[in-house]
Amino acid sequence: MKRIIAFIIILCMVFSMTACFNDTEVPSSSTESSSNKPNEKPSEESSEEPSEEPSEEPSEETSEESSEEESSNEVVKPVVTEYGDFSSAIDKTASSTDRLKQMSLSRLAYNKGNSSYTASQLNSTVSNAQTIVSGGALLGYSNSSKLLKHYLNNSGENYIIDMDEFLSDSKVLATRDSSINSALRACEKLAREGEAINVYQKSEVVHHDLTGDWHYAVGSYFSHVEVKNLRVDGSVYSATIVYKVTDFYNWDVTDDNNVFKFVDLSPKDLYQLHCQGMAQEFLSQGEASYTISWVKGSSINTIPQFN
């Protein structure tokens, strides 16, 4: 009997221990919370803070910056300063190097006395030159007589050419017309709306085609055009056009042919007077100025101020 009671007590103890073990069992890994896993990173969705959506309309500051950027990208047309033989980027016309050389050599030769001419020959040259001065006007050579007289006066001062007389020569007039027409076309390319500018021919141009009175007065000569206060308003232009001529009055030491058939006097003879200090070479100049307005494409023949 005692054995039966002891066996029952043991069974009760075993049952009691089994029930206690089941109550304290660790939960399985499938039911654990993810927040208790120290070696795992939180998911990207749970760690990122929600971002604000950009506004569809740009701010005022952004709009202004964009406008400035677009403005800076606009193509600005360069200012045209040269066209053909004319420029608005210079302040005067360049003198011919040939003319400057003539003037330089003239100063070196004046009154140097390097001549094989005797005093009698020199006096005869002066007398014959005076005959041309006094009789030239009667023969239709008034301007050549005036310039030769200035040469014999031995002052070396500049001589002012009468432009009305000079432009009465058909070849001189044709040269002026051609030069100014070229200047008008250049002005139409160089003019700037709302601004007054000056335009200059870039260099002097030489001309050799004179005959008669002006052939003996100046021979070949240089010319250039200057344009002052050029303005444009739509297709109408205005400016003061100045046509200038320049010649260095001298005689050719290598030419021993008579200047006039009826007088025994050559360019070589006249040059010797300069070398002996009995006459002096000089600069002759003249200019004609025209204040005009014209429509684009006009020529000198259609502008009243030139006619």
C-alpha atoms as a PDB file:
ATOM      1  CA  MET A   1       0.000   0.000   0.000  1.00  0.00           C
ATOM      2  CA  LYS A   2       2.787   2.354   0.872  1.00  0.00           C
ATOM      3  CA  ARG A   3       4.373   1.640  -2.477  1.00  0.00           C
ATOM      4  CA  ILE A   4       1.215   2.599  -4.320  1.00  0.00           C
ATOM      5  CA  ILE A   5       0.959   5.897  -2.443  1.00  0.00           C
ATOM      6  CA  ALA A   6       4.644   6.679  -3.131  1.00  0.00           C
ATOM      7  CA  PHE A   7       4.159   5.957  -6.854  1.00  0.00           C
ATOM      8  CA  ILE A   8       1.157   8.281  -7.025  1.00  0.00           C
ATOM      9  CA  ILE A   9       3.153  11.092  -5.337  1.00  0.00           C
ATOM     10  CA  ILE A  10       5.972  10.665  -7.845  1.00  0.00           C
ATOM     11  CA  LEU A  11       3.525  10.847 -10.796  1.00  0.00           C
ATOM     12  CA  CYS A  12       2.058  14.060  -9.386  1.00  0.00           C
ATOM     13  CA  MET A  13       5.505  15.597  -9.057  1.00  0.00           C
ATOM     14  CA  VAL A  14       6.412  14.688 -12.658  1.00  0.00           C
ATOM     15  CA  PHE A  15       3.119  16.175 -13.966  1.00  0.00           C
ATOM     16  CA  SER A  16       3.693  19.350 -11.947  1.00  0.00           C
ATOM     17  CA  MET A  17       7.241  19.863 -13.384  1.00  0.00           C
ATOM     18  CA  THR A  18       6.041  19.320 -16.956  1.00  0.00           C
ATOM     19  CA  ALA A  19       3.351  21.973 -16.659  1.00  0.00           C
ATOM     20  CA  CYS A  20       5.866  24.490 -15.253  1.00  0.00           C
ATOM     21  CA  PHE A  21       8.281  23.892 -18.124  1.00  0.00           C
ATOM     22  CA  ASN A  22       5.593  24.623 -20.739  1.00  0.00           C
ATOM     23  CA  ASP A  23       4.668  27.981 -19.065  1.00  0.00           C
ATOM     24  CA  THR A  24       8.274  29.327 -19.225  1.00  0.00           C
ATOM     25  CA  GLU A  25       9.158  28.299 -22.866  1.00  0.00           C
ATOM     26  CA  VAL A  26      10.890  31.115 -25.031  1.00  0.00           C
ATOM     27  CA  PRO A  27       8.732  32.389 -27.918  1.00  0.00           C
ATOM     28  CA  SER A  28       9.776  31.300 -31.396  1.00  0.00           C
ATOM     29  CA  SER A  29      11.796  33.599 -33.735  1.00  0.00           C
ATOM     30  CA  SER A  30       8.833  34.022 -36.070  1.00  0.00           C
ATOM     31  CA  THR A  31       6.887  35.951 -33.388  1.00  0.00           C
ATOM     32  CA  GLU A  32       9.712  38.230 -32.197  1.00  0.00           C
ATOM     33  CA  SER A  33       9.437  42.030 -32.839  1.00  0.00           C
ATOM     34  CA  SER A  34      11.822  43.451 -35.455  1.00  0.00           C
ATOM     35  CA  SER A  35      12.586  46.387 -33.178  1.00  0.00           C
ATOM     36  CA  ASN A  36      14.367  43.975 -30.798  1.00  0.00           C
ATOM     37  CA  LYS A  37      16.906  42.830 -33.442  1.00  0.00           C
ATOM     38  CA  PRO A  38      20.089  44.745 -32.762  1.00  0.00           C
ATOM     39  CA  ASN A  39      21.968  43.600 -35.911  1.00  0.00           C
ATOM     40  CA  GLU A  40      19.334  44.616 -38.468  1.00  0.00           C
ATOM     41  CA  LYS A  41      18.985  48.138 -39.936  1.00  0.00           C
ATOM     42  CA  PRO A  42      15.591  49.784 -39.940  1.00  0.00           C
ATOM     43  CA  SER A  43      13.911  49.624 -43.311  1.00  0.00           C
ATOM     44  CA  GLU A  44      14.520  52.580 -45.712  1.00  0.00           C
ATOM     45  CA  GLU A  45      10.846  53.401 -45.685  1.00  0.00           C
ATOM     46  CA  SER A  46      10.720  53.757 -41.899  1.00  0.00           C
ATOM     47  CA  SER A  47      14.089  55.658 -41.611  1.00  0.00           C
ATOM     48  CA  GLU A  48      13.603  58.361 -44.292  1.00  0.00           C
ATOM     49  CA  GLU A  49      11.757  61.519 -43.448  1.00  0.00           C
ATOM     50  CA  PRO A  50       9.054  62.491 -45.895  1.00  0.00           C
ATOM     51  CA  SER A  51      10.294  65.173 -48.390  1.00  0.00           C
ATOM     52  CA  GLU A  52       8.335  68.178 -49.581  1.00  0.00           C
ATOM     53  CA  GLU A  53       7.222  68.149 -53.190  1.00  0.00           C
ATOM     54  CA  PRO A  54       8.755  71.014 -55.266  1.00  0.00           C
ATOM     55  CA  SER A  55       6.451  73.864 -56.147  1.00  0.00           C
ATOM     56  CA  GLU A  56       5.249  73.842 -59.736  1.00  0.00           C
ATOM     57  CA  GLU A  57       5.635  77.654 -60.062  1.00  0.00           C
ATOM     58  CA  PRO A  58       9.209  79.107 -59.797  1.00  0.00           C
ATOM     59  CA  SER A  59       9.839  81.693 -57.153  1.00  0.00           C
ATOM     60  CA  GLU A  60      10.165  85.392 -58.130  1.00  0.00           C
ATOM     61  CA  GLU A  61      13.928  85.279 -57.518  1.00  0.00           C
ATOM     62  CA  THR A  62      14.365  82.235 -59.764  1.00  0.00           C
ATOM     63  CA  SER A  63      12.271  83.903 -62.471  1.00  0.00           C
ATOM     64  CA  GLU A  64      14.433  87.038 -62.393  1.00  0.00           C
ATOM     65  CA  GLU A  65      17.651  85.018 -62.592  1.00  0.00           C
ATOM     66  CA  SER A  66      16.286  83.088 -65.561  1.00  0.00           C
ATOM     67  CA  SER A  67      15.315  86.333 -67.299  1.00  0.00           C
ATOM     68  CA  GLU A  68      18.781  87.800 -66.760  1.00  0.00           C
ATOM     69  CA  GLU A  69      20.384  84.642 -68.106  1.00  0.00           C
ATOM     70  CA  GLU A  70      18.238  84.739 -71.234  1.00  0.00           C
ATOM     71  CA  SER A  71      19.075  88.422 -71.707  1.00  0.00           C
ATOM     72  CA  SER A  72      22.804  87.724 -71.415  1.00  0.00           C
ATOM     73  CA  ASN A  73      22.518  85.033 -74.060  1.00  0.00           C
ATOM     74  CA  GLU A  74      21.053  87.420 -76.632  1.00  0.00           C
ATOM     75  CA  VAL A  75      23.375  87.999 -79.627  1.00  0.00           C
ATOM     76  CA  VAL A  76      24.651  91.616 -79.713  1.00  0.00           C
ATOM     77  CA  LYS A  77      25.556  92.792 -83.206  1.00  0.00           C
ATOM     78  CA  PRO A  78      29.118  94.169 -83.364  1.00  0.00           C
ATOM     79  CA  VAL A  79      29.512  97.855 -84.254  1.00  0.00           C
ATOM     80  CA  VAL A  80      30.743  98.241 -87.840  1.00  0.00           C
ATOM     81  CA  THR A  81      33.667 100.698 -87.960  1.00  0.00           C
ATOM     82  CA  GLU A  82      35.128 100.087 -91.440  1.00  0.00           C
ATOM     83  CA  TYR A  83      33.703  99.834 -94.916  1.00  0.00           C
ATOM     84  CA  GLY A  84      35.795  99.995 -98.080  1.00  0.00           C
ATOM     85  CA  ASP A  85      38.367 102.776 -97.794  1.00  0.00           C
ATOM     86  CA  PHE A  86      36.518 104.496 -94.925  1.00  0.00           C
ATOM     87  CA  SER A  87      36.638 104.112 -91.149  1.00  0.00           C
ATOM     88  CA  SER A  88      34.953 105.583 -88.065  1.00  0.00           C
ATOM     89  CA  ALA A  89      37.631 104.109 -85.788  1.00  0.00           C
ATOM     90  CA  ILE A  90      40.309 106.690 -86.732  1.00  0.00           C
ATOM     91  CA  ASP A  91      40.519 110.447 -86.112  1.00  0.00           C
ATOM     92  CA  LYS A  92      42.230 111.574 -89.333  1.00  0.00           C
ATOM     93  CA  THR A  93      43.264 110.461 -92.808  1.00  0.00           C
ATOM     94  CA  ALA A  94      46.803 109.122 -93.121  1.00  0.00           C
ATOM     95  CA  SER A  95      49.105 111.255 -95.267  1.00  0.00           C
ATOM     96  CA  SER A  96      50.630 109.641 -98.332  1.00  0.00           C
ATOM     97  CA  THR A  97      54.118 108.291 -97.638  1.00  0.00           C
ATOM     98  CA  ASP A  98      55.186 109.463-101.111  1.00  0.00           C
ATOM     99  CA  ARG A  99      54.146 113.044-100.365  1.00  0.00           C
ATOM    100  CA  LEU A 100      55.859 112.998 -96.971  1.00  0.00           C
ATOM    101  CA  LYS A 101      59.015 111.707 -98.631  1.00  0.00           C
ATOM    102  CA  GLN A 102      58.911 114.512-101.219  1.00  0.00           C
ATOM    103  CA  MET A 103      58.607 117.109 -98.472  1.00  0.00           C
ATOM    104  CA  SER A 104      61.458 115.616 -96.480  1.00  0.00           C
ATOM    105  CA  LEU A 105      63.823 115.552 -99.479  1.00  0.00           C
ATOM    106  CA  SER A 106      62.811 119.095-100.352  1.00  0.00           C
ATOM    107  CA  ARG A 107      63.903 120.419 -96.969  1.00  0.00           C
ATOM    108  CA  LEU A 108      67.264 118.690 -97.354  1.00  0.00           C
ATOM    109  CA  ALA A 109      67.866 120.178-100.803  1.00  0.00           C
ATOM    110  CA  TYR A 110      66.781 123.765-100.178  1.00  0.00           C
ATOM    111  CA  ASN A 111      69.586 126.342-100.450  1.00  0.00           C
ATOM    112  CA  LYS A 112      72.333 123.712-100.495  1.00  0.00           C
ATOM    113  CA  GLY A 113      73.992 125.230-103.596  1.00  0.00           C
ATOM    114  CA  ASN A 114      74.905 121.889-105.185  1.00  0.00           C
ATOM    115  CA  SER A 115      74.542 123.051-108.772  1.00  0.00           C
ATOM    116  CA  SER A 116      76.623 123.333-111.913  1.00  0.00           C
ATOM    117  CA  TYR A 117      74.546 126.327-112.990  1.00  0.00           C
ATOM    118  CA  THR A 118      76.402 129.609-113.267  1.00  0.00           C
ATOM    119  CA  ALA A 119      75.025 132.828-111.821  1.00  0.00           C
ATOM    120  CA  SER A 120      74.155 133.931-115.355  1.00  0.00           C
ATOM    121  CA  GLN A 121      72.164 130.743-115.990  1.00  0.00           C
ATOM    122  CA  LEU A 122      70.300 131.090-112.730  1.00  0.00           C
ATOM    123  CA  ASN A 123      69.395 134.718-113.463  1.00  0.00           C
ATOM    124  CA  SER A 124      68.190 133.709-116.933  1.00  0.00           C
ATOM    125  CA  THR A 125      66.011 131.011-115.348  1.00  0.00           C
ATOM    126  CA  VAL A 126      64.418 133.553-113.011  1.00  0.00           C
ATOM    127  CA  SER A 127      63.768 135.946-115.908  1.00  0.00           C
ATOM    128  CA  ASN A 128      62.112 133.249-118.030  1.00  0.00           C
ATOM    129  CA  ALA A 129      59.987 132.122-115.071  1.00  0.00           C
ATOM    130  CA  GLN A 130      58.818 135.715-114.553  1.00  0.00           C
ATOM    131  CA  THR A 131      57.795 135.811-118.229  1.00  0.00           C
ATOM    132  CA  ILE A 132      55.501 132.788-117.649  1.00  0.00           C
ATOM    133  CA  VAL A 133      54.016 134.431-114.534  1.00  0.00           C
ATOM    134  CA  SER A 134      53.147 137.649-116.389  1.00  0.00           C
ATOM    135  CA  GLY A 135      52.021 136.060-119.653  1.00  0.00           C
ATOM    136  CA  GLY A 136      50.486 132.816-118.469  1.00  0.00           C
ATOM    137  CA  ALA A 137      47.108 134.295-117.526  1.00  0.00           C
ATOM    138  CA  LEU A 138      46.754 135.786-121.002  1.00  0.00           C
ATOM    139  CA  LEU A 139      47.261 132.334-122.500  1.00  0.00           C
ATOM    140  CA  GLY A 140      44.737 130.594-120.220  1.00  0.00           C
ATOM    141  CA  TYR A 141      47.185 129.456-117.554  1.00  0.00           C
ATOM    142  CA  SER A 142      46.105 131.706-114.684  1.00  0.00           C
ATOM    143  CA  ASN A 143      46.353 129.138-111.886  1.00  0.00           C
ATOM    144  CA  SER A 144      49.722 127.752-112.979  1.00  0.00           C
ATOM    145  CA  SER A 145      50.966 131.362-113.164  1.00  0.00           C
ATOM    146  CA  LYS A 146      49.764 132.046-109.590  1.00  0.00           C
ATOM    147  CA  LEU A 147      51.481 128.990-108.134  1.00  0.00           C
ATOM    148  CA  LEU A 148      54.711 129.659-110.029  1.00  0.00           C
ATOM    149  CA  LYS A 149      54.693 133.220-108.659  1.00  0.00           C
ATOM    150  CA  HIS A 150      54.296 131.807-105.122  1.00  0.00           C
ATOM    151  CA  TYR A 151      57.276 129.530-105.793  1.00  0.00           C
ATOM    152  CA  LEU A 152      59.431 132.445-106.927  1.00  0.00           C
ATOM    153  CA  ASN A 153      58.414 134.495-103.861  1.00  0.00           C
ATOM    154  CA  ASN A 154      60.604 132.021-101.920  1.00  0.00           C
ATOM    155  CA  SER A 155      58.516 131.994 -98.730  1.00  0.00           C
ATOM    156  CA  GLY A 156      57.778 128.242 -98.562  1.00  0.00           C
ATOM    157  CA  GLU A 157      54.379 129.026 -97.027  1.00  0.00           C
ATOM    158  CA  ASN A 158      51.337 126.853 -97.759  1.00  0.00           C
ATOM    159  CA  TYR A 159      49.221 127.918-100.730  1.00  0.00           C
ATOM    160  CA  ILE A 160      45.398 127.762-100.649  1.00  0.00           C
ATOM    161  CA  ILE A 161      43.890 126.358-103.851  1.00  0.00           C
ATOM    162  CA  ASP A 162      40.718 128.020-105.130  1.00  0.00           C
ATOM    163  CA  MET A 163      38.361 125.015-105.107  1.00  0.00           C
ATOM    164  CA  ASP A 164      35.764 126.666-107.343  1.00  0.00           C
ATOM    165  CA  GLU A 165      38.484 127.054-109.962  1.00  0.00           C
ATOM    166  CA  PHE A 166      39.851 123.575-109.342  1.00  0.00           C
ATOM    167  CA  LEU A 167      36.458 121.859-109.593  1.00  0.00           C
ATOM    168  CA  SER A 168      35.747 123.643-112.861  1.00  0.00           C
ATOM    169  CA  ASP A 169      38.133 121.121-114.437  1.00  0.00           C
ATOM    170  CA  SER A 170      35.970 118.226-115.691  1.00  0.00           C
ATOM    171  CA  LYS A 171      38.455 115.550-114.634  1.00  0.00           C
ATOM    172  CA  VAL A 172      38.805 116.994-111.143  1.00  0.00           C
ATOM    173  CA  LEU A 173      35.003 117.138-110.828  1.00  0.00           C
ATOM    174  CA  ALA A 174      34.603 113.520-111.953  1.00  0.00           C
ATOM    175  CA  THR A 175      37.193 112.442-109.382  1.00  0.00           C
ATOM    176  CA  ARG A 176      35.389 114.352-106.625  1.00  0.00           C
ATOM    177  CA  ASP A 177      32.034 112.813-107.572  1.00  0.00           C
ATOM    178  CA  SER A 178      33.436 109.287-107.516  1.00  0.00           C
ATOM    179  CA  SER A 179      35.133 109.822-104.149  1.00  0.00           C
ATOM    180  CA  ILE A 180      32.051 111.299-102.483  1.00  0.00           C
ATOM    181  CA  ASN A 181      29.729 108.604-103.863  1.00  0.00           C
ATOM    182  CA  SER A 182      32.014 106.039-102.255  1.00  0.00           C
ATOM    183  CA  ALA A 183      31.850 108.009 -99.018  1.00  0.00           C
ATOM    184  CA  LEU A 184      28.028 108.058 -99.098  1.00  0.00           C
ATOM    185  CA  ARG A 185      27.865 104.275 -99.446  1.00  0.00           C
ATOM    186  CA  ALA A 186      30.320 103.882 -96.563  1.00  0.00           C
ATOM    187  CA  CYS A 187      28.299 106.281 -94.395  1.00  0.00           C
ATOM    188  CA  GLU A 188      25.180 104.188 -94.925  1.00  0.00           C
ATOM    189  CA  LYS A 189      27.040 101.168 -93.539  1.00  0.00           C
ATOM    190  CA  LEU A 190      28.785 102.945 -90.659  1.00  0.00           C
ATOM    191  CA  ALA A 191      26.048 105.287 -89.356  1.00  0.00           C
ATOM    192  CA  ARG A 192      24.557 104.482 -85.920  1.00  0.00           C
ATOM    193  CA  GLU A 193      20.988 105.242 -84.934  1.00  0.00           C
ATOM    194  CA  GLY A 194      20.827 107.878 -82.187  1.00  0.00           C
ATOM    195  CA  GLU A 195      24.544 108.707 -82.344  1.00  0.00           C
ATOM    196  CA  ALA A 196      26.662 111.251 -84.255  1.00  0.00           C
ATOM    197  CA  ILE A 197      30.020 109.997 -85.548  1.00  0.00           C
ATOM    198  CA  ASN A 198      32.884 111.096 -87.815  1.00  0.00           C
ATOM    199  CA  VAL A 199      34.142 109.023 -90.735  1.00  0.00           C
ATOM    200  CA  TYR A 200      37.512 109.373 -92.484  1.00  0.00           C
ATOM    201  CA  GLN A 201      39.009 108.007 -95.662  1.00  0.00           C
ATOM    202  CA  LYS A 202      41.825 105.804 -94.439  1.00  0.00           C
ATOM    203  CA  SER A 203      44.548 107.238 -96.709  1.00  0.00           C
ATOM    204  CA  GLU A 204      45.149 109.902 -99.341  1.00  0.00           C
ATOM    205  CA  VAL A 205      44.568 108.848-102.963  1.00  0.00           C
ATOM    206  CA  VAL A 206      46.816 110.110-105.772  1.00  0.00           C
ATOM    207  CA  HIS A 207      45.521 111.339-109.161  1.00  0.00           C
ATOM    208  CA  HIS A 208      47.632 111.863-112.305  1.00  0.00           C
ATOM    209  CA  ASP A 209      45.148 112.701-115.060  1.00  0.00           C
ATOM    210  CA  LEU A 210      45.204 116.507-115.162  1.00  0.00           C
ATOM    211  CA  THR A 211      45.803 118.485-118.337  1.00  0.00           C
ATOM    212  CA  GLY A 212      46.053 122.143-119.322  1.00  0.00           C
ATOM    213  CA  ASP A 213      46.265 124.871-116.668  1.00  0.00           C
ATOM    214  CA  TRP A 214      45.942 122.603-113.616  1.00  0.00           C
ATOM    215  CA  HIS A 215      48.494 120.166-115.016  1.00  0.00           C
ATOM    216  CA  TYR A 216      51.116 122.910-114.791  1.00  0.00           C
ATOM    217  CA  ALA A 217      49.713 124.237-111.519  1.00  0.00           C
ATOM    218  CA  VAL A 218      49.706 121.000-109.494  1.00  0.00           C
ATOM    219  CA  GLY A 219      50.578 118.119-111.846  1.00  0.00           C
ATOM    220  CA  SER A 220      49.465 115.089-109.845  1.00  0.00           C
ATOM    221  CA  TYR A 221      47.610 115.631-106.575  1.00  0.00           C
ATOM    222  CA  PHE A 222      46.205 113.754-103.573  1.00  0.00           C
ATOM    223  CA  SER A 223      42.613 113.776-102.348  1.00  0.00           C
ATOM    224  CA  HIS A 224      40.544 112.374 -99.491  1.00  0.00           C
ATOM    225  CA  VAL A 225      37.075 112.707 -97.964  1.00  0.00           C
ATOM    226  CA  GLU A 226      36.162 113.490 -94.355  1.00  0.00           C
ATOM    227  CA  VAL A 227      32.622 113.102 -92.961  1.00  0.00           C
ATOM    228  CA  LYS A 228      31.656 115.096 -89.869  1.00  0.00           C
ATOM    229  CA  ASN A 229      28.600 114.684 -87.607  1.00  0.00           C
ATOM    230  CA  LEU A 230      27.113 111.726 -89.473  1.00  0.00           C
ATOM    231  CA  ARG A 231      23.593 110.845 -88.268  1.00  0.00           C
ATOM    232  CA  VAL A 232      20.844 108.496 -89.410  1.00  0.00           C
ATOM    233  CA  ASP A 233      17.095 108.563 -88.816  1.00  0.00           C
ATOM    234  CA  GLY A 234      15.481 105.564 -90.480  1.00  0.00           C
ATOM    235  CA  SER A 235      16.586 105.747 -94.121  1.00  0.00           C
ATOM    236  CA  VAL A 236      17.546 109.451 -94.017  1.00  0.00           C
ATOM    237  CA  TYR A 237      21.178 110.417 -93.418  1.00  0.00           C
ATOM    238  CA  SER A 238      22.771 113.783 -92.682  1.00  0.00           C
ATOM    239  CA  ALA A 239      26.384 114.918 -92.450  1.00  0.00           C
ATOM    240  CA  THR A 240      28.957 117.493 -93.468  1.00  0.00           C
ATOM    241  CA  ILE A 241      31.075 116.092 -96.305  1.00  0.00           C
ATOM    242  CA  VAL A 242      34.521 117.657 -96.754  1.00  0.00           C
ATOM    243  CA  TYR A 243      36.479 116.996 -99.958  1.00  0.00           C
ATOM    244  CA  LYS A 244      40.180 117.831 -99.534  1.00  0.00           C
ATOM    245  CA  VAL A 245      43.001 118.057-102.089  1.00  0.00           C
ATOM    246  CA  THR A 246      46.728 118.349-101.418  1.00  0.00           C
ATOM    247  CA  ASP A 247      49.788 118.760-103.617  1.00  0.00           C
ATOM    248  CA  PHE A 248      53.430 119.360-102.878  1.00  0.00           C
ATOM    249  CA  TYR A 249      54.614 121.916-105.406  1.00  0.00           C
ATOM    250  CA  ASN A 250      58.022 120.878-106.720  1.00  0.00           C
ATOM    251  CA  TRP A 251      59.887 120.391-109.988  1.00  0.00           C
ATOM    252  CA  ASP A 252      61.526 117.291-111.476  1.00  0.00           C
ATOM    253  CA  VAL A 253      65.316 117.523-111.435  1.00  0.00           C
ATOM    254  CA  THR A 254      65.565 114.848-114.159  1.00  0.00           C
ATOM    255  CA  ASP A 255      63.275 116.584-116.709  1.00  0.00           C
ATOM    256  CA  ASP A 256      65.083 118.980-119.071  1.00  0.00           C
ATOM    257  CA  ASN A 257      62.233 119.470-121.553  1.00  0.00           C
ATOM    258  CA  ASN A 258      60.774 122.952-121.840  1.00  0.00           C
ATOM    259  CA  VAL A 259      57.718 123.615-119.693  1.00  0.00           C
ATOM    260  CA  PHE A 260      56.269 125.800-122.475  1.00  0.00           C
ATOM    261  CA  LYS A 261      57.344 125.702-126.092  1.00  0.00           C
ATOM    262  CA  PHE A 262      57.692 129.453-126.353  1.00  0.00           C
ATOM    263  CA  VAL A 263      59.994 129.838-123.314  1.00  0.00           C
ATOM    264  CA  ASP A 264      63.394 128.249-122.767  1.00  0.00           C
ATOM    265  CA  LEU A 265      62.664 126.893-119.286  1.00  0.00           C
ATOM    266  CA  SER A 266      62.660 123.283-118.061  1.00  0.00           C
ATOM    267  CA  PRO A 267      61.558 121.650-114.781  1.00  0.00           C
ATOM    268  CA  LYS A 268      65.246 120.938-114.129  1.00  0.00           C
ATOM    269  CA  ASP A 269      66.009 124.684-114.420  1.00  0.00           C
ATOM    270  CA  LEU A 270      63.247 125.581-111.968  1.00  0.00           C
ATOM    271  CA  TYR A 271      64.421 122.935-109.491  1.00  0.00           C
ATOM    272  CA  GLN A 272      67.882 124.530-109.422  1.00  0.00           C
ATOM    273  CA  LEU A 273      66.342 127.754-108.104  1.00  0.00           C
ATOM    274  CA  HIS A 274      65.150 125.785-105.047  1.00  0.00           C
ATOM    275  CA  CYS A 275      68.606 124.287-104.486  1.00  0.00           C
ATOM    276  CA  GLN A 276      70.197 127.748-104.693  1.00  0.00           C
ATOM    277  CA  GLY A 277      67.710 129.293-102.236  1.00  0.00           C
ATOM    278  CA  MET A 278      66.241 131.541-104.968  1.00  0.00           C
ATOM    279  CA  ALA A 279      62.781 129.891-104.870  1.00  0.00           C
ATOM    280  CA  GLN A 280      61.155 127.422-102.501  1.00  0.00           C
ATOM    281  CA  GLU A 281      58.864 124.426-102.864  1.00  0.00           C
ATOM    282  CA  PHE A 282      55.660 124.443-100.807  1.00  0.00           C
ATOM    283  CA  LEU A 283      52.461 122.617 -99.905  1.00  0.00           C
ATOM    284  CA  SER A 284      49.271 123.597-101.760  1.00  0.00           C
ATOM    285  CA  GLN A 285      45.898 122.660-100.277  1.00  0.00           C
ATOM    286  CA  GLY A 286      42.195 123.163-100.831  1.00  0.00           C
ATOM    287  CA  GLU A 287      38.873 121.894 -99.522  1.00  0.00           C
ATOM    288  CA  ALA A 288      35.179 122.046-100.352  1.00  0.00           C
ATOM    289  CA  SER A 289      32.570 121.460 -97.640  1.00  0.00           C
ATOM    290  CA  TYR A 290      28.940 120.375 -98.119  1.00  0.00           C
ATOM    291  CA  THR A 291      26.313 120.020 -95.371  1.00  0.00           C
ATOM    292  CA  ILE A 292      23.737 117.621 -96.777  1.00  0.00           C
ATOM    293  CA  SER A 293      20.948 115.156 -96.068  1.00  0.00           C
ATOM    294  CA  TRP A 294      20.136 112.229 -98.333  1.00  0.00           C
ATOM    295  CA  VAL A 295      18.028 109.126 -98.659  1.00  0.00           C
ATOM    296  CA  LYS A 296      19.783 105.775 -98.663  1.00  0.00           C
ATOM    297  CA  GLY A 297      21.101 104.929-102.115  1.00  0.00           C
ATOM    298  CA  SER A 298      21.272 108.529-103.384  1.00  0.00           C
ATOM    299  CA  SER A 299      24.188 109.649-105.559  1.00  0.00           C
ATOM    300  CA  ILE A 300      25.947 112.996-105.674  1.00  0.00           C
ATOM    301  CA  ASN A 301      24.074 113.926-108.860  1.00  0.00           C
ATOM    302  CA  THR A 302      20.693 113.807-107.055  1.00  0.00           C
ATOM    303  CA  ILE A 303      21.719 115.882-104.021  1.00  0.00           C
ATOM    304  CA  PRO A 304      21.146 119.628-104.633  1.00  0.00           C
ATOM    305  CA  GLN A 305      24.010 120.877-102.437  1.00  0.00           C
ATOM    306  CA  PHE A 306      26.567 119.380-104.821  1.00  0.00           C
ATOM    307  CA  ASN A 307      25.167 120.969-107.964  1.00  0.00           C
END
